[in-house]
């Protein structure tokens, strides 16, 4: 896989309400995948748009993913999660209909799994901070609960609760009759 090292910054006219567009291109087996993040005003709020497109040798362009996020960090997390769920070899042969079958919960779950590093415990406060305000808390809670039910992650309470900050308590998930503060992949046990 060849990743184009050039990142293009397009500063556009503020009349269009688009302030910055960042492009990153990845070339693979005769196809070009372009990740575009644009900051723009929508309803008086600054939002980040993420678009992932694929262009073949014949010039046919297909939009594989497009969504709006409250922060650029939200866009970055979503892009990383999308590529983790859809390795380029799979995307090349599956086509865009494969992407459209994913639900919002699946996107959040994939992002959570991307953020949790193998062999370590991640604080829920840290995980929630990565999403910012881009995704509602109840949607993240549901994604976490579904991942626990599917045995894809483990959630535990912090054993030394004296060390917990207000942010840790606010980020905790009430599950199984106790507040859970830490997440890990099952391989950590």
N, C-alpha and C. Protein backbone atom coordinates (compact mmCIF):
# COMPACT_ATOMS: atom_id res chain seq x y z
N UNK A 1 0.85 -1.17 0.00
CA UNK A 1 0.00 0.00 0.00
C UNK A 1 0.89 1.23 0.00
N UNK A 2 0.58 2.17 -0.86
CA UNK A 2 1.30 3.43 -0.92
C UNK A 2 0.43 4.51 -0.32
N UNK A 3 0.95 5.20 0.68
CA UNK A 3 0.22 6.32 1.25
C UNK A 3 0.86 7.59 0.76
N UNK A 4 0.08 8.46 0.16
CA UNK A 4 0.60 9.73 -0.31
C UNK A 4 0.95 10.58 0.90
N UNK A 5 2.18 11.05 0.95
CA UNK A 5 2.64 11.80 2.12
C UNK A 5 2.12 13.22 2.13
N UNK A 6 1.64 13.68 1.02
CA UNK A 6 1.21 15.07 0.93
C UNK A 6 -0.17 15.26 1.53
N UNK A 7 -0.29 16.20 2.43
CA UNK A 7 -1.58 16.62 2.95
C UNK A 7 -1.85 17.99 2.36
N UNK A 8 -3.00 18.16 1.73
CA UNK A 8 -3.34 19.40 1.06
C UNK A 8 -4.28 20.20 1.95
N UNK A 9 -3.96 21.44 2.18
CA UNK A 9 -4.84 22.33 2.93
C UNK A 9 -5.43 23.34 1.95
N UNK A 10 -6.73 23.33 1.78
CA UNK A 10 -7.41 24.28 0.91
C UNK A 10 -8.14 25.28 1.79
N UNK A 11 -7.68 26.52 1.77
CA UNK A 11 -8.39 27.57 2.51
C UNK A 11 -9.35 28.20 1.53
N UNK A 12 -10.64 28.06 1.79
CA UNK A 12 -11.65 28.50 0.85
C UNK A 12 -12.32 29.78 1.32
N UNK A 13 -13.07 30.36 0.43
CA UNK A 13 -13.79 31.60 0.69
C UNK A 13 -14.76 31.39 1.85
N UNK A 14 -14.75 32.31 2.83
CA UNK A 14 -15.64 32.18 3.98
C UNK A 14 -17.10 32.36 3.60
N UNK A 15 -17.38 32.87 2.39
CA UNK A 15 -18.78 32.97 1.95
C UNK A 15 -19.41 31.59 1.82
N UNK A 16 -18.60 30.59 1.51
CA UNK A 16 -19.13 29.23 1.39
C UNK A 16 -19.20 28.56 2.75
N UNK A 17 -18.75 29.25 3.80
CA UNK A 17 -18.75 28.73 5.16
C UNK A 17 -17.84 27.52 5.35
N UNK A 18 -16.94 27.26 4.41
CA UNK A 18 -15.97 26.18 4.57
C UNK A 18 -14.62 26.81 4.83
N UNK A 19 -14.01 26.46 5.95
CA UNK A 19 -12.77 27.11 6.35
C UNK A 19 -11.53 26.32 5.97
N UNK A 20 -11.59 25.02 6.04
CA UNK A 20 -10.39 24.24 5.78
C UNK A 20 -10.81 22.87 5.28
N UNK A 21 -10.06 22.37 4.30
CA UNK A 21 -10.27 21.01 3.83
C UNK A 21 -8.93 20.31 3.84
N UNK A 22 -8.87 19.14 4.44
CA UNK A 22 -7.63 18.37 4.51
C UNK A 22 -7.85 17.08 3.73
N UNK A 23 -6.93 16.78 2.83
CA UNK A 23 -7.03 15.56 2.03
C UNK A 23 -5.84 14.66 2.33
N UNK A 24 -6.08 13.37 2.42
CA UNK A 24 -5.01 12.39 2.48
C UNK A 24 -5.38 11.30 1.49
N UNK A 25 -4.45 10.91 0.64
CA UNK A 25 -4.74 9.91 -0.38
C UNK A 25 -3.95 8.64 -0.13
N UNK A 26 -4.60 7.51 -0.40
CA UNK A 26 -3.96 6.20 -0.29
C UNK A 26 -4.20 5.49 -1.61
N UNK A 27 -3.12 5.06 -2.28
CA UNK A 27 -3.23 4.34 -3.54
C UNK A 27 -3.04 2.85 -3.28
N UNK A 28 -3.96 2.04 -3.84
CA UNK A 28 -3.88 0.60 -3.62
C UNK A 28 -4.54 -0.12 -4.78
N UNK A 29 -3.82 -1.00 -5.46
CA UNK A 29 -4.35 -1.85 -6.53
C UNK A 29 -5.19 -1.09 -7.55
N UNK A 30 -4.66 0.01 -8.05
CA UNK A 30 -5.35 0.75 -9.09
C UNK A 30 -6.52 1.60 -8.61
N UNK A 31 -6.68 1.73 -7.32
CA UNK A 31 -7.74 2.58 -6.78
C UNK A 31 -7.11 3.62 -5.89
N UNK A 32 -7.72 4.79 -5.83
CA UNK A 32 -7.27 5.86 -4.94
C UNK A 32 -8.36 6.11 -3.92
N UNK A 33 -7.99 6.00 -2.64
CA UNK A 33 -8.90 6.29 -1.54
C UNK A 33 -8.52 7.66 -0.99
N UNK A 34 -9.48 8.56 -0.91
CA UNK A 34 -9.21 9.91 -0.44
C UNK A 34 -10.03 10.16 0.82
N UNK A 35 -9.33 10.61 1.86
CA UNK A 35 -9.96 10.98 3.12
C UNK A 35 -10.00 12.50 3.15
N UNK A 36 -11.19 13.06 3.25
CA UNK A 36 -11.36 14.51 3.26
C UNK A 36 -12.04 14.92 4.56
N UNK A 37 -11.44 15.88 5.25
CA UNK A 37 -12.04 16.45 6.44
C UNK A 37 -12.23 17.93 6.18
N UNK A 38 -13.45 18.41 6.28
CA UNK A 38 -13.74 19.82 6.04
C UNK A 38 -14.38 20.42 7.28
N UNK A 39 -13.89 21.58 7.68
CA UNK A 39 -14.50 22.33 8.78
C UNK A 39 -15.45 23.34 8.17
N UNK A 40 -16.68 23.38 8.66
CA UNK A 40 -17.65 24.33 8.10
C UNK A 40 -18.65 24.75 9.17
N UNK A 41 -19.40 25.78 8.85
CA UNK A 41 -20.45 26.26 9.74
C UNK A 41 -21.76 25.61 9.31
N UNK A 42 -22.49 25.08 10.28
CA UNK A 42 -23.81 24.50 10.02
C UNK A 42 -24.72 24.92 11.15
N UNK A 43 -25.71 25.72 10.84
CA UNK A 43 -26.63 26.18 11.88
C UNK A 43 -25.94 27.01 12.94
N UNK A 44 -24.92 27.76 12.55
CA UNK A 44 -24.20 28.60 13.51
C UNK A 44 -23.17 27.86 14.34
N UNK A 45 -22.96 26.55 14.09
CA UNK A 45 -21.98 25.77 14.83
C UNK A 45 -20.89 25.29 13.89
N UNK A 46 -19.66 25.24 14.40
CA UNK A 46 -18.54 24.70 13.64
C UNK A 46 -18.62 23.17 13.70
N UNK A 47 -18.64 22.53 12.54
CA UNK A 47 -18.71 21.07 12.49
C UNK A 47 -17.60 20.55 11.58
N UNK A 48 -17.29 19.28 11.73
CA UNK A 48 -16.28 18.62 10.93
C UNK A 48 -16.97 17.56 10.07
N UNK A 49 -16.76 17.63 8.77
CA UNK A 49 -17.33 16.66 7.84
C UNK A 49 -16.24 15.69 7.43
N UNK A 50 -16.52 14.41 7.48
CA UNK A 50 -15.58 13.39 7.04
C UNK A 50 -16.17 12.70 5.82
N UNK A 51 -15.38 12.63 4.75
CA UNK A 51 -15.80 11.92 3.54
C UNK A 51 -14.67 10.99 3.13
N UNK A 52 -15.00 9.74 2.85
CA UNK A 52 -14.03 8.78 2.33
C UNK A 52 -14.53 8.36 0.96
N UNK A 53 -13.71 8.59 -0.08
CA UNK A 53 -14.11 8.25 -1.44
C UNK A 53 -13.10 7.30 -2.06
N UNK A 54 -13.53 6.61 -3.10
CA UNK A 54 -12.68 5.70 -3.84
C UNK A 54 -12.83 6.02 -5.32
N UNK A 55 -11.70 6.11 -6.04
CA UNK A 55 -11.72 6.39 -7.47
C UNK A 55 -10.92 5.30 -8.18
N UNK A 56 -11.54 4.68 -9.19
CA UNK A 56 -10.88 3.63 -9.95
C UNK A 56 -10.11 4.19 -11.13
N UNK A 57 -9.40 3.31 -11.84
CA UNK A 57 -8.64 3.72 -13.02
C UNK A 57 -9.53 4.35 -14.09
N UNK A 58 -10.79 3.94 -14.14
CA UNK A 58 -11.71 4.48 -15.14
C UNK A 58 -12.26 5.84 -14.75
N UNK A 59 -11.87 6.35 -13.57
CA UNK A 59 -12.32 7.67 -13.13
C UNK A 59 -13.63 7.66 -12.35
N UNK A 60 -14.24 6.48 -12.20
CA UNK A 60 -15.48 6.38 -11.45
C UNK A 60 -15.21 6.62 -9.97
N UNK A 61 -15.94 7.57 -9.40
CA UNK A 61 -15.75 7.94 -8.00
C UNK A 61 -16.93 7.45 -7.17
N UNK A 62 -16.64 6.78 -6.06
CA UNK A 62 -17.67 6.24 -5.18
C UNK A 62 -17.47 6.80 -3.78
N UNK A 63 -18.53 7.31 -3.17
CA UNK A 63 -18.45 7.75 -1.78
C UNK A 63 -18.70 6.54 -0.89
N UNK A 64 -17.71 6.20 -0.07
CA UNK A 64 -17.81 5.04 0.81
C UNK A 64 -18.36 5.40 2.18
N UNK A 65 -18.08 6.63 2.63
CA UNK A 65 -18.53 7.06 3.96
C UNK A 65 -18.61 8.58 3.97
N UNK A 66 -19.68 9.11 4.55
CA UNK A 66 -19.78 10.55 4.73
C UNK A 66 -20.63 10.80 5.97
N UNK A 67 -20.11 11.62 6.88
CA UNK A 67 -20.85 11.94 8.09
C UNK A 67 -20.33 13.23 8.68
N UNK A 68 -21.09 13.77 9.62
CA UNK A 68 -20.77 15.04 10.27
C UNK A 68 -20.45 14.77 11.73
N UNK A 69 -19.42 15.45 12.24
CA UNK A 69 -18.98 15.29 13.63
C UNK A 69 -18.82 16.66 14.26
N UNK A 70 -18.96 16.71 15.58
CA UNK A 70 -18.87 17.99 16.28
C UNK A 70 -17.43 18.48 16.37
N UNK A 71 -16.46 17.58 16.27
CA UNK A 71 -15.05 17.96 16.39
C UNK A 71 -14.23 17.27 15.31
N UNK A 72 -13.05 17.84 15.02
CA UNK A 72 -12.14 17.17 14.08
C UNK A 72 -11.63 15.87 14.69
N UNK A 73 -11.49 15.83 16.01
CA UNK A 73 -11.07 14.59 16.67
C UNK A 73 -12.10 13.50 16.41
N UNK A 74 -13.38 13.86 16.45
CA UNK A 74 -14.44 12.90 16.14
C UNK A 74 -14.30 12.35 14.73
N UNK A 75 -13.95 13.21 13.78
CA UNK A 75 -13.73 12.77 12.40
C UNK A 75 -12.55 11.82 12.31
N UNK A 76 -11.46 12.14 13.03
CA UNK A 76 -10.27 11.29 12.99
C UNK A 76 -10.56 9.92 13.59
N UNK A 77 -11.28 9.89 14.70
CA UNK A 77 -11.65 8.62 15.34
C UNK A 77 -12.51 7.80 14.39
N UNK A 78 -13.49 8.45 13.74
CA UNK A 78 -14.38 7.76 12.81
C UNK A 78 -13.61 7.21 11.61
N UNK A 79 -12.67 7.99 11.07
CA UNK A 79 -11.88 7.53 9.92
C UNK A 79 -11.05 6.31 10.31
N UNK A 80 -10.39 6.37 11.47
CA UNK A 80 -9.58 5.24 11.93
C UNK A 80 -10.46 4.00 12.12
N UNK A 81 -11.62 4.19 12.71
CA UNK A 81 -12.54 3.07 12.94
C UNK A 81 -13.03 2.49 11.62
N UNK A 82 -13.33 3.37 10.65
CA UNK A 82 -13.83 2.90 9.36
C UNK A 82 -12.77 2.03 8.68
N UNK A 83 -11.53 2.50 8.64
CA UNK A 83 -10.48 1.73 7.97
C UNK A 83 -10.13 0.46 8.74
N UNK A 84 -10.32 0.45 10.06
CA UNK A 84 -10.08 -0.78 10.82
C UNK A 84 -11.15 -1.82 10.47
N UNK A 85 -12.41 -1.37 10.34
CA UNK A 85 -13.50 -2.27 10.01
C UNK A 85 -13.47 -2.71 8.55
N UNK A 86 -12.94 -1.86 7.69
CA UNK A 86 -12.95 -2.13 6.25
C UNK A 86 -11.53 -2.02 5.71
N UNK A 87 -10.69 -3.05 5.93
CA UNK A 87 -9.35 -3.00 5.35
C UNK A 87 -9.47 -2.80 3.84
N UNK A 88 -8.50 -2.15 3.25
CA UNK A 88 -8.62 -1.79 1.84
C UNK A 88 -8.87 -2.99 0.95
N UNK A 89 -8.28 -4.13 1.26
CA UNK A 89 -8.51 -5.30 0.42
C UNK A 89 -9.98 -5.70 0.46
N UNK A 90 -10.62 -5.58 1.62
CA UNK A 90 -12.04 -5.92 1.75
C UNK A 90 -12.91 -4.90 1.03
N UNK A 91 -12.58 -3.63 1.19
CA UNK A 91 -13.36 -2.56 0.58
C UNK A 91 -13.30 -2.65 -0.94
N UNK A 92 -12.12 -2.95 -1.46
CA UNK A 92 -11.96 -2.99 -2.91
C UNK A 92 -12.91 -3.98 -3.56
N UNK A 93 -13.14 -5.11 -2.91
CA UNK A 93 -13.96 -6.15 -3.51
C UNK A 93 -15.41 -6.12 -3.03
N UNK A 94 -15.66 -5.55 -1.86
CA UNK A 94 -17.01 -5.54 -1.31
C UNK A 94 -17.85 -4.42 -1.88
N UNK A 95 -17.24 -3.29 -2.18
CA UNK A 95 -17.97 -2.16 -2.73
C UNK A 95 -18.73 -1.39 -1.66
N UNK A 96 -19.36 -0.30 -2.05
CA UNK A 96 -20.00 0.59 -1.08
C UNK A 96 -21.20 -0.02 -0.36
N UNK A 97 -21.88 -1.02 -0.95
CA UNK A 97 -23.03 -1.59 -0.27
C UNK A 97 -22.62 -2.27 1.04
N UNK A 98 -21.38 -2.73 1.12
CA UNK A 98 -20.87 -3.34 2.35
C UNK A 98 -20.82 -2.30 3.47
N UNK A 99 -20.45 -1.09 3.14
CA UNK A 99 -20.34 -0.02 4.13
C UNK A 99 -21.72 0.42 4.60
N UNK A 100 -22.67 0.51 3.69
CA UNK A 100 -23.98 1.03 4.04
C UNK A 100 -24.72 0.14 5.02
N UNK A 101 -24.34 -1.14 5.17
CA UNK A 101 -25.00 -2.04 6.09
C UNK A 101 -24.67 -1.78 7.55
N UNK A 102 -23.64 -1.01 7.83
CA UNK A 102 -23.23 -0.74 9.20
C UNK A 102 -24.17 0.27 9.84
N UNK A 103 -24.47 0.06 11.13
CA UNK A 103 -25.33 1.00 11.85
C UNK A 103 -24.48 1.97 12.63
N UNK A 104 -25.10 3.02 13.14
CA UNK A 104 -24.39 3.99 13.97
C UNK A 104 -23.73 3.32 15.17
N UNK A 105 -24.42 2.37 15.79
CA UNK A 105 -23.86 1.66 16.95
C UNK A 105 -22.60 0.91 16.55
N UNK A 106 -22.62 0.28 15.38
CA UNK A 106 -21.44 -0.45 14.92
C UNK A 106 -20.25 0.49 14.71
N UNK A 107 -20.51 1.69 14.21
CA UNK A 107 -19.44 2.68 14.03
C UNK A 107 -18.85 3.06 15.39
N UNK A 108 -19.70 3.30 16.37
CA UNK A 108 -19.22 3.67 17.71
C UNK A 108 -18.44 2.52 18.32
N UNK A 109 -18.96 1.29 18.19
CA UNK A 109 -18.26 0.13 18.74
C UNK A 109 -16.88 -0.02 18.11
N UNK A 110 -16.80 0.14 16.80
CA UNK A 110 -15.50 0.02 16.12
C UNK A 110 -14.53 1.09 16.61
N UNK A 111 -15.03 2.30 16.82
CA UNK A 111 -14.17 3.37 17.33
C UNK A 111 -13.68 3.04 18.73
N UNK A 112 -14.56 2.51 19.58
CA UNK A 112 -14.17 2.12 20.94
C UNK A 112 -13.09 1.05 20.88
N UNK A 113 -13.29 0.03 20.06
CA UNK A 113 -12.30 -1.04 19.95
C UNK A 113 -10.97 -0.53 19.43
N UNK A 114 -11.01 0.48 18.56
CA UNK A 114 -9.78 1.08 18.05
C UNK A 114 -9.04 1.83 19.15
N UNK A 115 -9.79 2.49 20.04
CA UNK A 115 -9.18 3.32 21.08
C UNK A 115 -8.58 2.50 22.22
N UNK A 116 -9.11 1.31 22.47
CA UNK A 116 -8.59 0.48 23.56
C UNK A 116 -7.37 -0.26 23.04
N UNK A 117 -6.24 -0.03 23.67
CA UNK A 117 -4.99 -0.68 23.26
C UNK A 117 -4.91 -2.08 23.86
N UNK A 118 -4.42 -3.02 23.10
CA UNK A 118 -4.26 -4.39 23.59
C UNK A 118 -3.31 -4.41 24.78
N UNK A 119 -3.71 -5.13 25.84
CA UNK A 119 -2.84 -5.30 27.00
C UNK A 119 -2.89 -4.19 28.02
N UNK A 120 -3.79 -3.21 27.85
CA UNK A 120 -3.88 -2.11 28.81
C UNK A 120 -5.34 -1.86 29.17
N UNK A 121 -5.53 -1.18 30.29
CA UNK A 121 -6.86 -0.74 30.71
C UNK A 121 -7.02 0.72 30.28
N UNK A 122 -8.15 1.03 29.71
CA UNK A 122 -8.45 2.41 29.28
C UNK A 122 -9.55 2.96 30.18
N UNK A 123 -9.37 4.19 30.62
CA UNK A 123 -10.41 4.81 31.45
C UNK A 123 -11.58 5.22 30.56
N UNK A 124 -12.78 5.06 31.08
CA UNK A 124 -13.95 5.50 30.31
C UNK A 124 -13.92 7.01 30.14
N UNK A 125 -13.34 7.72 31.11
CA UNK A 125 -13.22 9.18 30.97
C UNK A 125 -12.37 9.52 29.74
N UNK A 126 -11.27 8.80 29.55
CA UNK A 126 -10.42 9.01 28.39
C UNK A 126 -11.11 8.65 27.08
N UNK A 127 -11.84 7.52 27.10
CA UNK A 127 -12.57 7.11 25.89
C UNK A 127 -13.63 8.14 25.52
N UNK A 128 -14.39 8.58 26.51
CA UNK A 128 -15.45 9.55 26.23
C UNK A 128 -14.87 10.88 25.74
N UNK A 129 -13.71 11.25 26.28
CA UNK A 129 -13.07 12.51 25.85
C UNK A 129 -12.70 12.45 24.37
N UNK A 130 -12.33 11.27 23.88
CA UNK A 130 -11.97 11.13 22.47
C UNK A 130 -13.17 11.40 21.56
N UNK A 131 -14.37 11.05 22.01
CA UNK A 131 -15.58 11.30 21.22
C UNK A 131 -16.03 12.75 21.33
N UNK A 132 -15.64 13.43 22.41
CA UNK A 132 -16.09 14.81 22.62
C UNK A 132 -17.61 14.85 22.68
N UNK A 133 -18.19 15.82 22.03
CA UNK A 133 -19.65 15.94 22.00
C UNK A 133 -20.23 15.44 20.68
N UNK A 134 -19.38 14.78 19.89
CA UNK A 134 -19.82 14.32 18.56
C UNK A 134 -20.91 13.26 18.64
N UNK A 135 -20.90 12.46 19.70
CA UNK A 135 -21.86 11.37 19.84
C UNK A 135 -22.49 11.46 21.22
N UNK A 136 -23.79 11.33 21.29
CA UNK A 136 -24.52 11.43 22.56
C UNK A 136 -24.08 10.34 23.53
N UNK A 137 -24.07 10.68 24.81
CA UNK A 137 -23.62 9.76 25.86
C UNK A 137 -24.42 8.45 25.84
N UNK A 138 -25.73 8.53 25.66
CA UNK A 138 -26.53 7.30 25.70
C UNK A 138 -26.17 6.35 24.56
N UNK A 139 -25.75 6.89 23.42
CA UNK A 139 -25.32 6.03 22.30
C UNK A 139 -23.99 5.35 22.63
N UNK A 140 -23.09 6.07 23.29
CA UNK A 140 -21.82 5.46 23.71
C UNK A 140 -22.09 4.41 24.78
N UNK A 141 -22.97 4.72 25.74
CA UNK A 141 -23.33 3.75 26.79
C UNK A 141 -23.88 2.47 26.17
N UNK A 142 -24.77 2.62 25.19
CA UNK A 142 -25.35 1.44 24.55
C UNK A 142 -24.29 0.63 23.81
N UNK A 143 -23.38 1.32 23.13
CA UNK A 143 -22.30 0.63 22.42
C UNK A 143 -21.41 -0.13 23.40
N UNK A 144 -21.07 0.50 24.54
CA UNK A 144 -20.26 -0.17 25.56
C UNK A 144 -20.98 -1.39 26.11
N UNK A 145 -22.26 -1.23 26.44
CA UNK A 145 -23.05 -2.34 26.98
C UNK A 145 -23.13 -3.49 25.98
N UNK A 146 -23.35 -3.18 24.71
CA UNK A 146 -23.41 -4.22 23.68
C UNK A 146 -22.07 -4.93 23.53
N UNK A 147 -20.97 -4.19 23.63
CA UNK A 147 -19.64 -4.81 23.53
C UNK A 147 -19.38 -5.74 24.71
N UNK A 148 -19.83 -5.36 25.91
CA UNK A 148 -19.69 -6.23 27.08
C UNK A 148 -20.53 -7.49 26.89
N UNK A 149 -21.77 -7.32 26.45
CA UNK A 149 -22.67 -8.46 26.23
C UNK A 149 -22.09 -9.42 25.20
N UNK A 150 -21.47 -8.88 24.16
CA UNK A 150 -20.85 -9.71 23.11
C UNK A 150 -19.48 -10.23 23.52
N UNK A 151 -19.04 -9.89 24.72
CA UNK A 151 -17.74 -10.31 25.27
C UNK A 151 -16.56 -9.82 24.42
N UNK A 152 -16.73 -8.63 23.83
CA UNK A 152 -15.64 -8.04 23.06
C UNK A 152 -14.78 -7.11 23.91
N UNK A 153 -15.35 -6.60 25.02
CA UNK A 153 -14.59 -5.81 25.98
C UNK A 153 -14.99 -6.23 27.39
N UNK A 154 -14.15 -5.83 28.34
CA UNK A 154 -14.41 -6.03 29.76
C UNK A 154 -14.51 -4.65 30.38
N UNK A 155 -15.51 -4.43 31.22
CA UNK A 155 -15.63 -3.19 31.99
C UNK A 155 -15.57 -3.54 33.47
N UNK A 156 -14.70 -2.84 34.21
CA UNK A 156 -14.58 -3.10 35.64
C UNK A 156 -14.58 -1.78 36.40
N UNK A 157 -14.89 -1.84 37.71
CA UNK A 157 -14.74 -0.64 38.53
C UNK A 157 -13.26 -0.43 38.87
N UNK A 158 -12.87 0.79 39.11
CA UNK A 158 -11.52 1.09 39.60
C UNK A 158 -11.43 0.54 41.02
N UNK A 159 -10.43 -0.30 41.29
CA UNK A 159 -10.32 -0.91 42.62
C UNK A 159 -9.98 0.11 43.70
N UNK A 160 -9.18 1.11 43.38
CA UNK A 160 -8.84 2.15 44.35
C UNK A 160 -9.68 3.38 44.02
N UNK A 161 -10.89 3.41 44.53
CA UNK A 161 -11.82 4.47 44.16
C UNK A 161 -11.44 5.82 44.73
N UNK A 162 -10.48 5.86 45.65
CA UNK A 162 -10.01 7.15 46.17
C UNK A 162 -9.25 7.93 45.10
N UNK A 163 -8.75 7.23 44.10
CA UNK A 163 -7.97 7.89 43.04
C UNK A 163 -8.86 8.48 41.94
N UNK A 164 -10.15 8.16 41.96
CA UNK A 164 -11.05 8.62 40.90
C UNK A 164 -11.31 10.11 40.98
N UNK A 165 -11.27 10.74 39.82
CA UNK A 165 -11.57 12.18 39.73
C UNK A 165 -13.06 12.36 39.42
N UNK A 166 -13.50 13.60 39.44
CA UNK A 166 -14.89 13.89 39.06
C UNK A 166 -15.15 13.43 37.62
N UNK A 167 -14.16 13.61 36.76
CA UNK A 167 -14.31 13.18 35.36
C UNK A 167 -14.49 11.67 35.28
N UNK A 168 -13.75 10.92 36.11
CA UNK A 168 -13.90 9.46 36.13
C UNK A 168 -15.30 9.05 36.57
N UNK A 169 -15.80 9.71 37.62
CA UNK A 169 -17.15 9.40 38.11
C UNK A 169 -18.20 9.78 37.07
N UNK A 170 -18.04 10.92 36.43
CA UNK A 170 -19.01 11.36 35.41
C UNK A 170 -19.02 10.44 34.19
N UNK A 171 -17.88 9.85 33.89
CA UNK A 171 -17.77 8.98 32.71
C UNK A 171 -18.15 7.54 33.00
N UNK A 172 -18.28 7.18 34.27
CA UNK A 172 -18.56 5.79 34.66
C UNK A 172 -19.88 5.31 34.06
N UNK A 173 -19.94 4.01 33.83
CA UNK A 173 -21.15 3.37 33.32
C UNK A 173 -21.72 2.47 34.40
N UNK A 174 -22.98 2.66 34.76
CA UNK A 174 -23.66 1.82 35.74
C UNK A 174 -24.06 0.53 35.04
N UNK A 175 -23.47 -0.58 35.46
CA UNK A 175 -23.70 -1.85 34.80
C UNK A 175 -23.57 -2.97 35.83
N UNK A 176 -24.55 -3.83 35.90
CA UNK A 176 -24.48 -4.95 36.83
C UNK A 176 -24.47 -4.53 38.29
N UNK A 177 -25.11 -3.42 38.60
CA UNK A 177 -25.21 -2.97 39.98
C UNK A 177 -24.00 -2.24 40.51
N UNK A 178 -23.09 -1.83 39.63
CA UNK A 178 -21.93 -1.06 40.07
C UNK A 178 -21.45 -0.14 38.96
N UNK A 179 -20.72 0.91 39.36
CA UNK A 179 -20.14 1.83 38.39
C UNK A 179 -18.86 1.21 37.84
N UNK A 180 -18.74 1.22 36.53
CA UNK A 180 -17.55 0.69 35.85
C UNK A 180 -16.76 1.87 35.31
N UNK A 181 -15.44 1.85 35.52
CA UNK A 181 -14.59 2.99 35.15
C UNK A 181 -13.53 2.65 34.11
N UNK A 182 -13.21 1.36 33.96
CA UNK A 182 -12.10 0.94 33.10
C UNK A 182 -12.56 -0.08 32.07
N UNK A 183 -11.97 0.00 30.88
CA UNK A 183 -12.31 -0.93 29.80
C UNK A 183 -11.04 -1.58 29.28
N UNK A 184 -11.17 -2.83 28.86
CA UNK A 184 -10.04 -3.54 28.25
C UNK A 184 -10.58 -4.58 27.28
N UNK A 185 -9.71 -5.03 26.41
CA UNK A 185 -10.03 -6.15 25.54
C UNK A 185 -9.93 -7.42 26.37
N UNK A 186 -10.71 -8.46 26.09
CA UNK A 186 -10.72 -9.66 26.92
C UNK A 186 -9.37 -10.33 27.09
N UNK A 187 -8.44 -10.12 26.19
CA UNK A 187 -7.13 -10.78 26.27
C UNK A 187 -6.29 -10.33 27.45
N UNK A 188 -6.71 -9.26 28.16
CA UNK A 188 -5.89 -8.75 29.26
C UNK A 188 -5.97 -9.64 30.49
N UNK A 189 -7.03 -10.40 30.65
CA UNK A 189 -7.19 -11.23 31.86
C UNK A 189 -6.31 -12.42 31.84
